[in-house]
Amino acid sequence: MLKIYSHPRSGTHFLEAFIAENFYPEEDLSEKKIDWGHWSNRKTKDCNPYGQLFGNHKFPSKRLNRYSWKPKLYIYRDGRSVAYSIYKTPNFLNSEMSKLSFSEFLREPLDWWGTPGTKNKTHNKLSIIEHWALHIAEWHHSNENIVLIKYEDLVDYPEDIYRKIRNRCFPRLVFNEVVLNHKHCVKKINKPTGLLPNKAIKNSWTEVFSEQDLKFFNQKTPEWLRSKF
């Protein structure tokens, strides 16, 4: 079964729902109990309907190389939307950071690593933009068999993303559709999904980023990554 990896608030549940509907429509992929939220105030959600598809939000590790032949999906999203989504999501920040303005939050070092549930005890503390940029960079260069999915492309071009995943991960479906002409009607996800879903729209960051915030974002984001958004 495919596993999905990502930086928090990058469209993970959106992709899970898309994968479930288009590639595992008859399977029960649910997880009954999900722990989530900041390490200082963890909460439990009763059920994630697609939880078995979730890998994790961590940075890649050498342990992944043991399974380098297995396809893995990594979904990434515009860091400005990621930062805003984390800022406005209840229980993703400790109580002190929750009091900050958005501009202050952008520049404040995070006290978690990889995911809000893991306390940062050993790594250099990074701002949310630096953390997001490093996460994507390390995943982009971590494993030969990672399928990179851009959240904005999944929203705009679901048929293209379907074919990309099918071609890399489901050779039997390629044979059925290309050789046997068994056409698949791509099922689109038309409503927000997840533990605490937002509006599932692109460019939500435009309502909160000031010119100085955008300048800070550009300073902290490598040019190769900025060019993708």
Protein backbone atom coordinates (compact mmCIF):
# COMPACT_ATOMS: atom_id res chain seq x y z
CA MET A 1 0.00 0.00 0.00
CA LEU A 2 1.19 3.51 -0.80
CA LYS A 3 2.36 5.76 2.02
CA ILE A 4 2.09 9.55 1.95
CA TYR A 5 4.68 11.84 3.53
CA SER A 6 4.59 15.60 3.91
CA HIS A 7 5.28 18.70 5.93
CA PRO A 8 2.30 19.43 8.22
CA ARG A 9 -0.57 21.33 6.58
CA SER A 10 0.52 20.53 3.04
CA GLY A 11 -2.63 18.75 1.86
CA THR A 12 -1.88 15.31 3.27
CA HIS A 13 -5.50 14.36 3.96
CA PHE A 14 -6.58 15.79 0.62
CA LEU A 15 -4.16 13.46 -1.16
CA GLU A 16 -5.16 10.54 1.08
CA ALA A 17 -8.78 10.98 0.05
CA PHE A 18 -7.79 11.24 -3.62
CA ILE A 19 -5.68 8.06 -3.44
CA ALA A 20 -8.38 6.16 -1.58
CA GLU A 21 -11.13 7.09 -4.03
CA ASN A 22 -9.12 6.39 -7.17
CA PHE A 23 -6.86 3.47 -6.25
CA TYR A 24 -8.36 1.70 -3.22
CA PRO A 25 -12.13 2.28 -3.57
CA GLU A 26 -13.13 -1.06 -1.99
CA GLU A 27 -10.74 -1.07 0.98
CA ASP A 28 -11.21 0.07 4.55
CA LEU A 29 -8.24 2.36 5.16
CA SER A 30 -9.42 3.83 8.43
CA GLU A 31 -7.47 4.26 11.65
CA LYS A 32 -9.64 4.25 14.76
CA LYS A 33 -7.60 6.50 17.05
CA ILE A 34 -5.40 9.39 15.89
CA ASP A 35 -3.18 11.43 18.20
CA TRP A 36 -2.48 14.91 16.90
CA GLY A 37 -1.51 18.42 17.89
CA HIS A 38 1.36 20.18 19.64
CA TRP A 39 3.56 18.11 21.97
CA SER A 40 2.49 20.25 24.92
CA ASN A 41 -1.20 19.53 24.40
CA ARG A 42 -1.84 16.34 22.45
CA LYS A 43 -5.41 15.44 21.50
CA THR A 44 -7.11 12.31 20.18
CA LYS A 45 -9.37 12.14 17.15
CA ASP A 46 -11.80 9.23 16.97
CA CYS A 47 -11.18 8.23 13.37
CA ASN A 48 -9.24 9.06 10.23
CA PRO A 49 -10.99 7.35 7.30
CA TYR A 50 -7.75 7.10 5.30
CA GLY A 51 -5.20 6.81 8.10
CA GLN A 52 -3.51 3.68 6.75
CA LEU A 53 -2.18 5.72 3.82
CA PHE A 54 -0.29 8.12 6.08
CA GLY A 55 3.47 7.74 6.43
CA ASN A 56 4.56 10.63 8.65
CA HIS A 57 5.55 14.30 8.76
CA LYS A 58 9.14 13.62 9.80
CA PHE A 59 12.28 14.49 7.94
CA PRO A 60 13.52 11.53 5.84
CA SER A 61 15.82 9.09 7.59
CA LYS A 62 18.29 6.45 6.48
CA ARG A 63 15.76 3.81 7.45
CA LEU A 64 13.78 4.67 4.32
CA ASN A 65 16.63 3.39 2.17
CA ARG A 66 15.85 -0.18 3.21
CA TYR A 67 12.62 0.18 1.27
CA SER A 68 13.93 2.36 -1.56
CA TRP A 69 12.26 0.13 -4.16
CA LYS A 70 8.81 0.93 -2.79
CA PRO A 71 7.10 4.02 -4.24
CA LYS A 72 6.34 6.76 -1.73
CA LEU A 73 4.32 9.90 -2.26
CA TYR A 74 5.51 13.25 -0.94
CA ILE A 75 3.07 16.15 -1.20
CA TYR A 76 4.37 19.70 -0.87
CA ARG A 77 2.61 23.05 -0.85
CA ASP A 78 3.43 26.76 -1.10
CA GLY A 79 5.18 27.61 2.15
CA ARG A 80 3.17 30.79 2.59
CA SER A 81 -0.05 28.76 2.72
CA VAL A 82 1.60 26.20 4.99
CA ALA A 83 2.70 28.88 7.44
CA TYR A 84 -0.72 30.52 7.56
CA SER A 85 -2.51 27.18 7.95
CA ILE A 86 -0.31 26.15 10.87
CA TYR A 87 -0.73 29.55 12.50
CA LYS A 88 -4.53 29.40 12.40
CA THR A 89 -4.91 25.70 13.26
CA PRO A 90 -5.85 25.21 16.92
CA ASN A 91 -3.42 23.10 18.93
CA PHE A 92 -0.52 23.25 16.45
CA LEU A 93 1.37 25.81 18.54
CA ASN A 94 2.18 26.09 22.20
CA SER A 95 0.20 28.57 24.27
CA GLU A 96 2.90 31.26 24.10
CA MET A 97 3.30 31.19 20.33
CA SER A 98 -0.46 31.27 19.91
CA LYS A 99 -0.41 34.82 21.31
CA LEU A 100 1.88 36.11 18.57
CA SER A 101 0.74 38.08 15.55
CA PHE A 102 1.16 36.31 12.22
CA SER A 103 4.24 38.39 11.32
CA GLU A 104 5.80 37.59 14.69
CA PHE A 105 5.01 33.91 14.27
CA LEU A 106 6.76 33.81 10.88
CA ARG A 107 10.02 34.89 12.48
CA GLU A 108 9.79 32.98 15.76
CA PRO A 109 11.81 29.73 16.00
CA LEU A 110 9.61 26.64 16.26
CA ASP A 111 9.86 24.42 19.31
CA TRP A 112 9.02 21.26 17.32
CA TRP A 113 10.80 19.27 14.64
CA GLY A 114 9.14 17.64 11.64
CA THR A 115 5.73 17.59 13.28
CA PRO A 116 4.18 19.64 16.11
CA GLY A 117 3.93 16.44 18.15
CA THR A 118 7.73 16.05 18.40
CA LYS A 119 9.57 18.40 20.74
CA ASN A 120 12.77 19.87 19.32
CA LYS A 121 15.51 18.84 21.72
CA THR A 122 18.60 18.53 19.53
CA HIS A 123 18.15 20.39 16.22
CA ASN A 124 18.76 24.03 15.41
CA LYS A 125 15.54 25.94 15.91
CA LEU A 126 14.16 27.25 12.64
CA SER A 127 11.36 29.59 11.67
CA ILE A 128 8.37 27.98 9.99
CA ILE A 129 9.59 29.05 6.52
CA GLU A 130 13.10 27.69 7.11
CA HIS A 131 11.66 24.46 8.51
CA TRP A 132 9.33 24.03 5.50
CA ALA A 133 12.10 24.76 2.97
CA LEU A 134 14.52 22.31 4.61
CA HIS A 135 11.83 19.62 4.83
CA ILE A 136 11.09 19.82 1.11
CA ALA A 137 14.78 19.96 0.16
CA GLU A 138 15.65 16.85 2.16
CA TRP A 139 12.70 14.86 0.84
CA HIS A 140 13.43 15.90 -2.74
CA HIS A 141 16.90 14.40 -2.45
CA SER A 142 16.26 11.49 -0.10
CA ASN A 143 15.12 8.57 -2.21
CA GLU A 144 15.06 7.55 -5.87
CA ASN A 145 11.52 6.21 -5.74
CA ILE A 146 9.63 9.17 -4.33
CA VAL A 147 6.75 10.58 -6.36
CA LEU A 148 6.58 14.33 -5.78
CA ILE A 149 3.07 15.79 -5.75
CA LYS A 150 2.48 19.53 -5.70
CA TYR A 151 -0.69 20.38 -3.77
CA GLU A 152 -1.64 23.18 -6.14
CA ASP A 153 -1.40 20.79 -9.11
CA LEU A 154 -3.64 18.28 -7.34
CA VAL A 155 -6.25 21.02 -6.95
CA ASP A 156 -6.00 22.26 -10.56
CA TYR A 157 -5.03 19.16 -12.54
CA PRO A 158 -6.28 16.02 -10.75
CA GLU A 159 -6.28 13.97 -13.98
CA ASP A 160 -2.58 14.69 -14.52
CA ILE A 161 -1.77 13.76 -10.92
CA TYR A 162 -3.80 10.56 -11.28
CA ARG A 163 -1.76 9.53 -14.33
CA LYS A 164 1.51 10.43 -12.62
CA ILE A 165 0.70 8.22 -9.64
CA ARG A 166 -0.73 5.45 -11.79
CA ASN A 167 2.32 5.35 -14.07
CA ARG A 168 4.79 5.19 -11.18
CA CYS A 169 2.93 3.05 -8.67
CA PHE A 170 0.28 0.92 -10.39
CA PRO A 171 1.69 -0.83 -13.50
CA ARG A 172 -1.32 -3.14 -13.67
CA LEU A 173 -3.63 -0.17 -14.07
CA VAL A 174 -1.37 1.20 -16.80
CA PHE A 175 -1.75 -2.09 -18.67
CA ASN A 176 -5.53 -2.13 -18.14
CA GLU A 177 -6.04 1.44 -19.27
CA VAL A 178 -3.43 1.77 -22.01
CA VAL A 179 -3.42 -1.74 -23.47
CA LEU A 180 -6.92 -3.03 -22.67
CA ASN A 181 -8.55 0.41 -22.94
CA HIS A 182 -10.31 0.14 -19.57
CA LYS A 183 -10.79 3.85 -19.00
CA HIS A 184 -10.88 5.22 -15.48
CA CYS A 185 -12.98 8.25 -14.61
CA VAL A 186 -10.89 10.23 -12.15
CA LYS A 187 -12.75 10.97 -8.93
CA LYS A 188 -12.10 14.50 -7.70
CA ILE A 189 -12.24 15.53 -4.06
CA ASN A 190 -14.60 18.48 -3.89
CA LYS A 191 -14.75 19.19 -0.18
CA PRO A 192 -12.18 19.79 2.58
CA THR A 193 -10.86 16.73 4.38
CA GLY A 194 -8.71 16.05 7.41
CA LEU A 195 -8.60 16.39 11.19
CA LEU A 196 -9.28 20.14 11.13
CA PRO A 197 -9.85 20.99 7.47
CA ASN A 198 -9.48 24.49 6.12
CA LYS A 199 -11.06 25.71 2.90
CA ALA A 200 -8.82 23.60 0.63
CA ILE A 201 -8.02 26.55 -1.61
CA LYS A 202 -4.80 27.89 -3.08
CA ASN A 203 -3.13 31.15 -2.12
CA SER A 204 -4.94 31.51 1.20
CA TRP A 205 -1.83 33.33 2.42
CA THR A 206 -2.55 36.49 0.40
CA GLU A 207 -4.90 37.86 3.06
CA VAL A 208 -2.24 37.94 5.79
CA PHE A 209 1.22 38.43 4.22
CA SER A 210 2.56 41.99 4.30
CA GLU A 211 5.29 43.21 1.94
CA GLN A 212 7.82 42.72 4.71
CA ASP A 213 6.55 39.18 5.30
CA LEU A 214 6.96 38.39 1.60
CA LYS A 215 10.47 39.79 1.69
CA PHE A 216 11.25 37.56 4.67
CA PHE A 217 9.80 34.54 2.84
CA ASN A 218 11.97 35.22 -0.21
CA GLN A 219 15.07 35.66 1.93
CA LYS A 220 14.55 32.32 3.66
CA THR A 221 13.53 30.28 0.60
CA PRO A 222 16.08 28.99 -1.95
CA GLU A 223 15.55 30.27 -5.48
CA TRP A 224 14.93 26.77 -6.90
CA LEU A 225 12.07 26.33 -4.44
CA ARG A 226 10.59 29.80 -4.92
CA SER A 227 10.42 29.14 -8.65
CA LYS A 228 7.96 26.30 -8.07
CA PHE A 229 5.25 28.62 -6.75
